[in-house]
């Protein structure tokens, strides 16, 4: 029986690279591409089927920043599928990022220079906005829309005799100092992306506590710093090109610079082959790349903040 995998944000970046790698690993998969832009999704579908004709690739339209779209997609998916073996909750945004130049130069001359540039800690702020649903856009896109999608698809996920897996794209930039239960949408702060990724980490822990006995398991991953539309929003492509010699040198000291979407999917693909019930729910799995370009997996413990 074909494994059925749903991937949000599958038409570009990490999501697209993940589709390609999964089909190389198993060309009998049924991939369902959950995308906002259907013309892009159809083009990706055609390209994937051209290179993997034995696979099954379908598309569904969903905008996780719009609850009506999430409900409509969920309804459609429940009509088309009996179960999902794995859902990659990968779609995400970092709107209007601003580089903190003062923090950048401070980081350059600090003892923690490698850590600062590996995690972008304190370097990036974003301008958030309110969606049509009355929620903060980053929170709704990166966290809440996906959560509603999961809850709506529960009947297709919870089978104790044959576990299903949720894999969230989180970040090394997920910092508990940027998250507060009193302001879990981060409406009062300037780092909604970091806050949303820490919320994702916490949500994954909570999902495991509530759903493991029903056969549903959740894990979080970080693809590292890969050059995608998201990172090109921080700095334009030509600046990344100018910085590349320094970044390649820094990669000998920090493993977070995966640089390509292919490398960034290392942890996501590795998790696909694991038995979800055997994984530690408090561990974040990180894609990493050595200075010589070898990909590997490393881990980081999720810090669960107690109030």
C-alpha atoms as a PDB file:
ATOM      1  CA  UNK A   1       0.000   0.000   0.000  1.00  0.00           C
ATOM      2  CA  UNK A   2       1.309   3.447  -0.900  1.00  0.00           C
ATOM      3  CA  UNK A   3       2.321   5.730   1.942  1.00  0.00           C
ATOM      4  CA  UNK A   4       0.384   8.992   1.806  1.00  0.00           C
ATOM      5  CA  UNK A   5       2.246  12.200   2.682  1.00  0.00           C
ATOM      6  CA  UNK A   6       0.823  15.736   2.857  1.00  0.00           C
ATOM      7  CA  UNK A   7       3.231  18.699   2.614  1.00  0.00           C
ATOM      8  CA  UNK A   8       2.221  22.312   3.170  1.00  0.00           C
ATOM      9  CA  UNK A   9       4.247  24.958   1.357  1.00  0.00           C
ATOM     10  CA  UNK A  10       5.328  22.361  -1.215  1.00  0.00           C
ATOM     11  CA  UNK A  11       5.768  24.592  -4.273  1.00  0.00           C
ATOM     12  CA  UNK A  12       9.114  26.192  -3.389  1.00  0.00           C
ATOM     13  CA  UNK A  13      12.094  26.188  -1.047  1.00  0.00           C
ATOM     14  CA  UNK A  14      12.335  23.478   1.600  1.00  0.00           C
ATOM     15  CA  UNK A  15       8.916  22.043   0.696  1.00  0.00           C
ATOM     16  CA  UNK A  16       9.803  21.547  -2.969  1.00  0.00           C
ATOM     17  CA  UNK A  17      13.220  20.065  -2.169  1.00  0.00           C
ATOM     18  CA  UNK A  18      11.517  17.716   0.300  1.00  0.00           C
ATOM     19  CA  UNK A  19       9.092  16.483  -2.382  1.00  0.00           C
ATOM     20  CA  UNK A  20      11.980  15.679  -4.703  1.00  0.00           C
ATOM     21  CA  UNK A  21      14.017  13.882  -2.039  1.00  0.00           C
ATOM     22  CA  UNK A  22      11.094  11.827  -0.747  1.00  0.00           C
ATOM     23  CA  UNK A  23      10.319  10.570  -4.243  1.00  0.00           C
ATOM     24  CA  UNK A  24      13.969   9.598  -4.744  1.00  0.00           C
ATOM     25  CA  UNK A  25      13.697   7.612  -1.499  1.00  0.00           C
ATOM     26  CA  UNK A  26      10.345   6.034  -2.428  1.00  0.00           C
ATOM     27  CA  UNK A  27       8.888   6.596  -5.893  1.00  0.00           C
ATOM     28  CA  UNK A  28       5.724   4.703  -4.928  1.00  0.00           C
ATOM     29  CA  UNK A  29       4.637   7.459  -2.561  1.00  0.00           C
ATOM     30  CA  UNK A  30       1.408   9.377  -2.828  1.00  0.00           C
ATOM     31  CA  UNK A  31       2.397  13.000  -2.270  1.00  0.00           C
ATOM     32  CA  UNK A  32      -0.318  15.583  -1.702  1.00  0.00           C
ATOM     33  CA  UNK A  33       0.954  19.122  -2.257  1.00  0.00           C
ATOM     34  CA  UNK A  34      -0.934  21.604  -0.072  1.00  0.00           C
ATOM     35  CA  UNK A  35      -0.260  25.018  -1.586  1.00  0.00           C
ATOM     36  CA  UNK A  36      -1.729  28.493  -1.715  1.00  0.00           C
ATOM     37  CA  UNK A  37      -0.878  29.097  -5.382  1.00  0.00           C
ATOM     38  CA  UNK A  38      -2.496  26.401  -7.503  1.00  0.00           C
ATOM     39  CA  UNK A  39      -0.728  27.277 -10.761  1.00  0.00           C
ATOM     40  CA  UNK A  40       2.647  26.808  -9.057  1.00  0.00           C
ATOM     41  CA  UNK A  41       1.417  23.597  -7.415  1.00  0.00           C
ATOM     42  CA  UNK A  42       0.264  22.156 -10.742  1.00  0.00           C
ATOM     43  CA  UNK A  43       3.615  23.004 -12.356  1.00  0.00           C
ATOM     44  CA  UNK A  44       5.459  21.255  -9.500  1.00  0.00           C
ATOM     45  CA  UNK A  45       3.135  18.265  -9.775  1.00  0.00           C
ATOM     46  CA  UNK A  46       3.827  17.929 -13.513  1.00  0.00           C
ATOM     47  CA  UNK A  47       7.596  18.159 -12.977  1.00  0.00           C
ATOM     48  CA  UNK A  48       7.559  15.572 -10.181  1.00  0.00           C
ATOM     49  CA  UNK A  49       5.494  13.116 -12.222  1.00  0.00           C
ATOM     50  CA  UNK A  50       7.768  13.603 -15.240  1.00  0.00           C
ATOM     51  CA  UNK A  51      10.769  12.470 -13.187  1.00  0.00           C
ATOM     52  CA  UNK A  52       8.876   9.895 -11.073  1.00  0.00           C
ATOM     53  CA  UNK A  53       6.082   8.445 -13.247  1.00  0.00           C
ATOM     54  CA  UNK A  54       5.297   5.612 -10.803  1.00  0.00           C
ATOM     55  CA  UNK A  55       4.471   8.046  -8.000  1.00  0.00           C
ATOM     56  CA  UNK A  56       1.083   9.549  -7.331  1.00  0.00           C
ATOM     57  CA  UNK A  57       1.063  13.313  -6.860  1.00  0.00           C
ATOM     58  CA  UNK A  58      -2.046  15.351  -6.151  1.00  0.00           C
ATOM     59  CA  UNK A  59      -2.674  18.939  -5.089  1.00  0.00           C
ATOM     60  CA  UNK A  60      -5.008  20.722  -2.727  1.00  0.00           C
ATOM     61  CA  UNK A  61      -5.405  24.454  -2.308  1.00  0.00           C
ATOM     62  CA  UNK A  62      -4.886  25.769   1.201  1.00  0.00           C
ATOM     63  CA  UNK A  63      -3.844  29.086   2.674  1.00  0.00           C
ATOM     64  CA  UNK A  64      -2.972  28.440   6.321  1.00  0.00           C
ATOM     65  CA  UNK A  65      -3.334  32.155   7.074  1.00  0.00           C
ATOM     66  CA  UNK A  66      -7.047  31.885   6.267  1.00  0.00           C
ATOM     67  CA  UNK A  67      -9.261  29.633   8.405  1.00  0.00           C
ATOM     68  CA  UNK A  68     -11.994  29.385   5.781  1.00  0.00           C
ATOM     69  CA  UNK A  69      -9.381  28.022   3.352  1.00  0.00           C
ATOM     70  CA  UNK A  70      -8.141  25.553   5.987  1.00  0.00           C
ATOM     71  CA  UNK A  71     -11.669  24.257   6.671  1.00  0.00           C
ATOM     72  CA  UNK A  72     -12.396  23.933   2.951  1.00  0.00           C
ATOM     73  CA  UNK A  73      -9.138  22.063   2.302  1.00  0.00           C
ATOM     74  CA  UNK A  74      -9.758  19.767   5.272  1.00  0.00           C
ATOM     75  CA  UNK A  75     -13.223  18.917   3.970  1.00  0.00           C
ATOM     76  CA  UNK A  76     -11.802  18.113   0.548  1.00  0.00           C
ATOM     77  CA  UNK A  77      -8.978  15.994   1.975  1.00  0.00           C
ATOM     78  CA  UNK A  78     -11.384  13.960   4.119  1.00  0.00           C
ATOM     79  CA  UNK A  79     -13.393  13.182   0.985  1.00  0.00           C
ATOM     80  CA  UNK A  80     -10.308  12.092  -0.962  1.00  0.00           C
ATOM     81  CA  UNK A  81      -8.231  10.161   1.611  1.00  0.00           C
ATOM     82  CA  UNK A  82      -8.724   7.471   4.249  1.00  0.00           C
ATOM     83  CA  UNK A  83      -5.499   8.248   6.130  1.00  0.00           C
ATOM     84  CA  UNK A  84      -2.238  10.192   6.123  1.00  0.00           C
ATOM     85  CA  UNK A  85       0.958   8.461   7.144  1.00  0.00           C
ATOM     86  CA  UNK A  86       2.804  11.741   7.531  1.00  0.00           C
ATOM     87  CA  UNK A  87       2.029  15.464   7.402  1.00  0.00           C
ATOM     88  CA  UNK A  88       4.841  17.977   6.980  1.00  0.00           C
ATOM     89  CA  UNK A  89       3.691  21.281   8.484  1.00  0.00           C
ATOM     90  CA  UNK A  90       6.184  23.303   6.515  1.00  0.00           C
ATOM     91  CA  UNK A  91       4.497  26.469   5.187  1.00  0.00           C
ATOM     92  CA  UNK A  92       5.649  29.588   6.983  1.00  0.00           C
ATOM     93  CA  UNK A  93       6.309  33.298   6.652  1.00  0.00           C
ATOM     94  CA  UNK A  94       8.726  35.921   7.970  1.00  0.00           C
ATOM     95  CA  UNK A  95       7.086  39.139   6.709  1.00  0.00           C
ATOM     96  CA  UNK A  96       9.011  42.373   6.173  1.00  0.00           C
ATOM     97  CA  UNK A  97      12.165  41.332   8.035  1.00  0.00           C
ATOM     98  CA  UNK A  98      14.480  44.086   9.240  1.00  0.00           C
ATOM     99  CA  UNK A  99      18.148  43.485  10.004  1.00  0.00           C
ATOM    100  CA  UNK A 100      19.255  45.089  13.267  1.00  0.00           C
ATOM    101  CA  UNK A 101      22.525  46.678  12.126  1.00  0.00           C
ATOM    102  CA  UNK A 102      23.551  47.603  15.676  1.00  0.00           C
ATOM    103  CA  UNK A 103      23.039  44.010  16.850  1.00  0.00           C
ATOM    104  CA  UNK A 104      24.845  42.748  13.731  1.00  0.00           C
ATOM    105  CA  UNK A 105      28.031  44.686  14.461  1.00  0.00           C
ATOM    106  CA  UNK A 106      27.767  43.933  18.170  1.00  0.00           C
ATOM    107  CA  UNK A 107      27.538  40.231  17.310  1.00  0.00           C
ATOM    108  CA  UNK A 108      30.533  40.432  14.993  1.00  0.00           C
ATOM    109  CA  UNK A 109      32.783  41.449  17.871  1.00  0.00           C
ATOM    110  CA  UNK A 110      31.278  39.279  20.603  1.00  0.00           C
ATOM    111  CA  UNK A 111      32.399  35.934  21.992  1.00  0.00           C
ATOM    112  CA  UNK A 112      29.144  34.458  20.746  1.00  0.00           C
ATOM    113  CA  UNK A 113      29.644  35.432  17.101  1.00  0.00           C
ATOM    114  CA  UNK A 114      29.159  31.856  15.814  1.00  0.00           C
ATOM    115  CA  UNK A 115      25.974  31.361  17.868  1.00  0.00           C
ATOM    116  CA  UNK A 116      24.547  34.732  16.812  1.00  0.00           C
ATOM    117  CA  UNK A 117      25.015  34.069  13.120  1.00  0.00           C
ATOM    118  CA  UNK A 118      23.851  30.435  13.369  1.00  0.00           C
ATOM    119  CA  UNK A 119      20.566  31.361  15.026  1.00  0.00           C
ATOM    120  CA  UNK A 120      20.110  35.027  13.966  1.00  0.00           C
ATOM    121  CA  UNK A 121      19.468  35.671  17.655  1.00  0.00           C
ATOM    122  CA  UNK A 122      18.545  39.321  18.116  1.00  0.00           C
ATOM    123  CA  UNK A 123      19.367  40.173  14.501  1.00  0.00           C
ATOM    124  CA  UNK A 124      15.925  40.135  12.916  1.00  0.00           C
ATOM    125  CA  UNK A 125      12.673  41.925  13.632  1.00  0.00           C
ATOM    126  CA  UNK A 126       9.476  41.736  11.562  1.00  0.00           C
ATOM    127  CA  UNK A 127       6.396  43.852  10.937  1.00  0.00           C
ATOM    128  CA  UNK A 128       3.325  41.730  11.607  1.00  0.00           C
ATOM    129  CA  UNK A 129      -0.282  42.472  10.667  1.00  0.00           C
ATOM    130  CA  UNK A 130      -3.823  41.293  11.411  1.00  0.00           C
ATOM    131  CA  UNK A 131      -5.469  38.744   9.111  1.00  0.00           C
ATOM    132  CA  UNK A 132      -9.107  38.599   8.017  1.00  0.00           C
ATOM    133  CA  UNK A 133      -9.649  36.174  10.918  1.00  0.00           C
ATOM    134  CA  UNK A 134      -8.516  38.819  13.409  1.00  0.00           C
ATOM    135  CA  UNK A 135      -5.277  36.997  14.264  1.00  0.00           C
ATOM    136  CA  UNK A 136      -1.636  37.990  13.968  1.00  0.00           C
ATOM    137  CA  UNK A 137      -0.518  36.873  10.513  1.00  0.00           C
ATOM    138  CA  UNK A 138       2.717  35.146  11.571  1.00  0.00           C
ATOM    139  CA  UNK A 139       1.017  33.233  14.384  1.00  0.00           C
ATOM    140  CA  UNK A 140      -1.900  32.158  12.201  1.00  0.00           C
ATOM    141  CA  UNK A 141       0.318  31.084   9.286  1.00  0.00           C
ATOM    142  CA  UNK A 142       3.124  29.376  11.174  1.00  0.00           C
ATOM    143  CA  UNK A 143       1.128  27.865  14.040  1.00  0.00           C
ATOM    144  CA  UNK A 144      -2.638  28.196  14.304  1.00  0.00           C
ATOM    145  CA  UNK A 145      -3.675  27.432  10.724  1.00  0.00           C
ATOM    146  CA  UNK A 146      -1.636  24.243  10.837  1.00  0.00           C
ATOM    147  CA  UNK A 147      -3.088  23.332  14.239  1.00  0.00           C
ATOM    148  CA  UNK A 148      -6.639  23.666  12.898  1.00  0.00           C
ATOM    149  CA  UNK A 149      -5.673  21.574   9.867  1.00  0.00           C
ATOM    150  CA  UNK A 150      -4.447  18.795  12.161  1.00  0.00           C
ATOM    151  CA  UNK A 151      -7.545  18.873  14.337  1.00  0.00           C
ATOM    152  CA  UNK A 152      -9.802  18.756  11.278  1.00  0.00           C
ATOM    153  CA  UNK A 153      -7.846  15.794   9.875  1.00  0.00           C
ATOM    154  CA  UNK A 154      -7.801  13.854  13.154  1.00  0.00           C
ATOM    155  CA  UNK A 155      -9.923  10.970  11.778  1.00  0.00           C
ATOM    156  CA  UNK A 156      -7.271  10.401   9.086  1.00  0.00           C
ATOM    157  CA  UNK A 157      -4.381  10.508  11.553  1.00  0.00           C
ATOM    158  CA  UNK A 158      -5.336   8.725  14.748  1.00  0.00           C
ATOM    159  CA  UNK A 159      -4.929   4.968  14.225  1.00  0.00           C
ATOM    160  CA  UNK A 160      -3.243   3.258  17.177  1.00  0.00           C
ATOM    161  CA  UNK A 161      -2.477   0.123  15.142  1.00  0.00           C
ATOM    162  CA  UNK A 162      -0.606   2.115  12.456  1.00  0.00           C
ATOM    163  CA  UNK A 163       0.920   5.390  13.742  1.00  0.00           C
ATOM    164  CA  UNK A 164       0.893   8.654  11.821  1.00  0.00           C
ATOM    165  CA  UNK A 165       3.502  11.375  12.130  1.00  0.00           C
ATOM    166  CA  UNK A 166       3.467  15.176  12.184  1.00  0.00           C
ATOM    167  CA  UNK A 167       6.721  16.923  11.273  1.00  0.00           C
ATOM    168  CA  UNK A 168       6.855  20.671  11.951  1.00  0.00           C
ATOM    169  CA  UNK A 169       9.408  22.970  10.324  1.00  0.00           C
ATOM    170  CA  UNK A 170      10.706  24.933  13.295  1.00  0.00           C
ATOM    171  CA  UNK A 171      13.919  26.934  13.625  1.00  0.00           C
ATOM    172  CA  UNK A 172      17.101  27.357  15.628  1.00  0.00           C
ATOM    173  CA  UNK A 173      15.718  30.890  16.006  1.00  0.00           C
ATOM    174  CA  UNK A 174      12.877  29.597  18.255  1.00  0.00           C
ATOM    175  CA  UNK A 175      13.628  31.369  21.531  1.00  0.00           C
ATOM    176  CA  UNK A 176      11.645  31.041  24.714  1.00  0.00           C
ATOM    177  CA  UNK A 177      12.572  34.626  25.631  1.00  0.00           C
ATOM    178  CA  UNK A 178      10.470  35.798  22.676  1.00  0.00           C
ATOM    179  CA  UNK A 179       7.384  33.834  23.732  1.00  0.00           C
ATOM    180  CA  UNK A 180       4.838  34.613  26.397  1.00  0.00           C
ATOM    181  CA  UNK A 181       1.577  32.825  27.189  1.00  0.00           C
ATOM    182  CA  UNK A 182       0.111  36.235  28.018  1.00  0.00           C
ATOM    183  CA  UNK A 183       0.870  37.325  24.431  1.00  0.00           C
ATOM    184  CA  UNK A 184       1.122  34.033  22.570  1.00  0.00           C
ATOM    185  CA  UNK A 185       0.414  35.748  19.228  1.00  0.00           C
ATOM    186  CA  UNK A 186       3.304  38.147  19.895  1.00  0.00           C
ATOM    187  CA  UNK A 187       1.154  41.158  19.071  1.00  0.00           C
ATOM    188  CA  UNK A 188       3.230  43.424  21.340  1.00  0.00           C
ATOM    189  CA  UNK A 189       6.687  42.274  20.275  1.00  0.00           C
ATOM    190  CA  UNK A 190       8.992  42.690  17.306  1.00  0.00           C
ATOM    191  CA  UNK A 191      10.109  39.086  16.742  1.00  0.00           C
ATOM    192  CA  UNK A 192       6.908  37.220  15.813  1.00  0.00           C
ATOM    193  CA  UNK A 193       8.800  34.640  13.719  1.00  0.00           C
ATOM    194  CA  UNK A 194      10.948  33.484  16.643  1.00  0.00           C
ATOM    195  CA  UNK A 195       7.897  33.489  18.937  1.00  0.00           C
ATOM    196  CA  UNK A 196       5.845  31.438  16.466  1.00  0.00           C
ATOM    197  CA  UNK A 197       8.587  28.833  16.112  1.00  0.00           C
ATOM    198  CA  UNK A 198       8.895  28.458  19.889  1.00  0.00           C
ATOM    199  CA  UNK A 199       5.089  28.122  20.023  1.00  0.00           C
ATOM    200  CA  UNK A 200       5.428  25.356  17.417  1.00  0.00           C
ATOM    201  CA  UNK A 201       7.937  23.543  19.631  1.00  0.00           C
ATOM    202  CA  UNK A 202       5.592  23.751  22.626  1.00  0.00           C
ATOM    203  CA  UNK A 203       2.593  22.693  20.560  1.00  0.00           C
ATOM    204  CA  UNK A 204       4.430  19.606  19.329  1.00  0.00           C
ATOM    205  CA  UNK A 205       5.130  18.566  22.940  1.00  0.00           C
ATOM    206  CA  UNK A 206       1.467  19.097  23.854  1.00  0.00           C
ATOM    207  CA  UNK A 207       0.251  17.117  20.836  1.00  0.00           C
ATOM    208  CA  UNK A 208       2.398  14.170  21.878  1.00  0.00           C
ATOM    209  CA  UNK A 209       1.013  14.246  25.406  1.00  0.00           C
ATOM    210  CA  UNK A 210      -2.549  14.275  24.104  1.00  0.00           C
ATOM    211  CA  UNK A 211      -2.400  12.031  21.036  1.00  0.00           C
ATOM    212  CA  UNK A 212       0.396   9.458  21.382  1.00  0.00           C
ATOM    213  CA  UNK A 213      -2.007   6.882  22.823  1.00  0.00           C
ATOM    214  CA  UNK A 214      -4.209   7.347  19.743  1.00  0.00           C
ATOM    215  CA  UNK A 215      -1.307   6.642  17.389  1.00  0.00           C
ATOM    216  CA  UNK A 216      -0.354  10.200  16.434  1.00  0.00           C
ATOM    217  CA  UNK A 217       3.209  11.440  17.018  1.00  0.00           C
ATOM    218  CA  UNK A 218       4.740  14.879  16.501  1.00  0.00           C
ATOM    219  CA  UNK A 219       8.312  16.077  15.956  1.00  0.00           C
ATOM    220  CA  UNK A 220      10.019  19.368  15.132  1.00  0.00           C
ATOM    221  CA  UNK A 221      12.930  20.006  12.799  1.00  0.00           C
ATOM    222  CA  UNK A 222      15.121  22.912  11.750  1.00  0.00           C
ATOM    223  CA  UNK A 223      16.412  23.035   8.155  1.00  0.00           C
ATOM    224  CA  UNK A 224      19.200  25.443   9.060  1.00  0.00           C
ATOM    225  CA  UNK A 225      20.059  28.549   7.057  1.00  0.00           C
ATOM    226  CA  UNK A 226      19.109  27.639   3.499  1.00  0.00           C
ATOM    227  CA  UNK A 227      18.775  30.156   0.682  1.00  0.00           C
ATOM    228  CA  UNK A 228      15.043  30.288  -0.055  1.00  0.00           C
ATOM    229  CA  UNK A 229      12.419  32.975  -0.610  1.00  0.00           C
ATOM    230  CA  UNK A 230      12.337  33.441   3.159  1.00  0.00           C
ATOM    231  CA  UNK A 231      16.062  34.205   3.501  1.00  0.00           C
ATOM    232  CA  UNK A 232      15.993  36.317   0.322  1.00  0.00           C
ATOM    233  CA  UNK A 233      13.463  38.463   2.166  1.00  0.00           C
ATOM    234  CA  UNK A 234      16.148  39.237   4.743  1.00  0.00           C
ATOM    235  CA  UNK A 235      18.886  40.107   2.228  1.00  0.00           C
ATOM    236  CA  UNK A 236      18.691  40.206  -1.579  1.00  0.00           C
ATOM    237  CA  UNK A 237      20.368  37.372  -3.533  1.00  0.00           C
ATOM    238  CA  UNK A 238      23.386  39.458  -4.613  1.00  0.00           C
ATOM    239  CA  UNK A 239      24.232  40.246  -0.980  1.00  0.00           C
ATOM    240  CA  UNK A 240      24.122  36.526  -0.123  1.00  0.00           C
ATOM    241  CA  UNK A 241      26.448  35.938  -3.075  1.00  0.00           C
ATOM    242  CA  UNK A 242      28.898  38.533  -1.753  1.00  0.00           C
ATOM    243  CA  UNK A 243      28.728  36.986   1.732  1.00  0.00           C
ATOM    244  CA  UNK A 244      29.173  33.417   0.482  1.00  0.00           C
ATOM    245  CA  UNK A 245      32.985  33.160   0.964  1.00  0.00           C
ATOM    246  CA  UNK A 246      32.627  34.232   4.618  1.00  0.00           C
ATOM    247  CA  UNK A 247      29.664  31.886   5.136  1.00  0.00           C
ATOM    248  CA  UNK A 248      31.536  28.918   3.656  1.00  0.00           C
ATOM    249  CA  UNK A 249      34.443  29.657   5.997  1.00  0.00           C
ATOM    250  CA  UNK A 250      32.091  30.007   8.975  1.00  0.00           C
ATOM    251  CA  UNK A 251      30.601  26.595   8.131  1.00  0.00           C
ATOM    252  CA  UNK A 252      33.791  25.010   9.501  1.00  0.00           C
ATOM    253  CA  UNK A 253      32.796  26.364  12.917  1.00  0.00           C
ATOM    254  CA  UNK A 254      28.966  26.280  12.755  1.00  0.00           C
ATOM    255  CA  UNK A 255      26.823  23.509  11.267  1.00  0.00           C
ATOM    256  CA  UNK A 256      23.659  25.584  10.711  1.00  0.00           C
ATOM    257  CA  UNK A 257      24.636  26.895   7.260  1.00  0.00           C
ATOM    258  CA  UNK A 258      23.010  24.213   5.138  1.00  0.00           C
ATOM    259  CA  UNK A 259      22.706  26.833   2.340  1.00  0.00           C
ATOM    260  CA  UNK A 260      20.676  24.796  -0.184  1.00  0.00           C
ATOM    261  CA  UNK A 261      17.073  23.609   0.232  1.00  0.00           C
ATOM    262  CA  UNK A 262      18.300  20.067  -0.569  1.00  0.00           C
ATOM    263  CA  UNK A 263      20.722  20.140   2.379  1.00  0.00           C
ATOM    264  CA  UNK A 264      18.067  21.755   4.568  1.00  0.00           C
ATOM    265  CA  UNK A 265      15.751  18.774   4.160  1.00  0.00           C
ATOM    266  CA  UNK A 266      18.238  16.309   5.660  1.00  0.00           C
ATOM    267  CA  UNK A 267      16.474  16.058   9.031  1.00  0.00           C
ATOM    268  CA  UNK A 268      13.013  16.051   7.428  1.00  0.00           C
ATOM    269  CA  UNK A 269      13.895  13.079   5.214  1.00  0.00           C
ATOM    270  CA  UNK A 270      15.646  11.231   8.060  1.00  0.00           C
ATOM    271  CA  UNK A 271      12.551  11.527  10.265  1.00  0.00           C
ATOM    272  CA  UNK A 272      10.402  10.032   7.521  1.00  0.00           C
ATOM    273  CA  UNK A 273      12.300   6.752   7.884  1.00  0.00           C
ATOM    274  CA  UNK A 274      12.070   6.542  11.680  1.00  0.00           C
ATOM    275  CA  UNK A 275       9.420   4.830  13.750  1.00  0.00           C
ATOM    276  CA  UNK A 276       7.680   7.867  15.274  1.00  0.00           C
ATOM    277  CA  UNK A 277       6.907   6.049  18.520  1.00  0.00           C
ATOM    278  CA  UNK A 278      10.655   5.525  19.098  1.00  0.00           C
ATOM    279  CA  UNK A 279      11.567   9.233  18.931  1.00  0.00           C
ATOM    280  CA  UNK A 280      12.037  11.562  21.888  1.00  0.00           C
ATOM    281  CA  UNK A 281       9.201  14.159  21.827  1.00  0.00           C
ATOM    282  CA  UNK A 282      11.420  16.739  23.560  1.00  0.00           C
ATOM    283  CA  UNK A 283      14.137  16.654  20.891  1.00  0.00           C
ATOM    284  CA  UNK A 284      14.391  18.995  17.915  1.00  0.00           C
ATOM    285  CA  UNK A 285      16.136  17.416  14.936  1.00  0.00           C
ATOM    286  CA  UNK A 286      18.452  19.772  13.067  1.00  0.00           C
ATOM    287  CA  UNK A 287      19.742  19.564   9.517  1.00  0.00           C
ATOM    288  CA  UNK A 288      23.470  20.283   9.585  1.00  0.00           C
ATOM    289  CA  UNK A 289      26.268  20.590   7.042  1.00  0.00           C
ATOM    290  CA  UNK A 290      30.018  20.379   7.651  1.00  0.00           C
ATOM    291  CA  UNK A 291      32.599  22.746   6.217  1.00  0.00           C
ATOM    292  CA  UNK A 292      33.302  20.115   3.584  1.00  0.00           C
ATOM    293  CA  UNK A 293      29.636  19.947   2.557  1.00  0.00           C
ATOM    294  CA  UNK A 294      28.629  16.671   4.231  1.00  0.00           C
ATOM    295  CA  UNK A 295      25.056  16.592   5.526  1.00  0.00           C
ATOM    296  CA  UNK A 296      24.154  15.049   8.861  1.00  0.00           C
ATOM    297  CA  UNK A 297      21.597  15.253  11.690  1.00  0.00           C
ATOM    298  CA  UNK A 298      22.181  16.806  15.075  1.00  0.00           C
ATOM    299  CA  UNK A 299      19.761  17.384  17.945  1.00  0.00           C
ATOM    300  CA  UNK A 300      18.725  20.034  20.426  1.00  0.00           C
ATOM    301  CA  UNK A 301      16.524  19.652  23.476  1.00  0.00           C
ATOM    302  CA  UNK A 302      13.294  21.647  23.458  1.00  0.00           C
ATOM    303  CA  UNK A 303      13.178  23.891  26.503  1.00  0.00           C
ATOM    304  CA  UNK A 304       9.643  23.673  27.865  1.00  0.00           C
ATOM    305  CA  UNK A 305       8.871  26.807  29.777  1.00  0.00           C
ATOM    306  CA  UNK A 306       6.723  26.275  32.846  1.00  0.00           C
ATOM    307  CA  UNK A 307       4.472  29.006  34.221  1.00  0.00           C
END
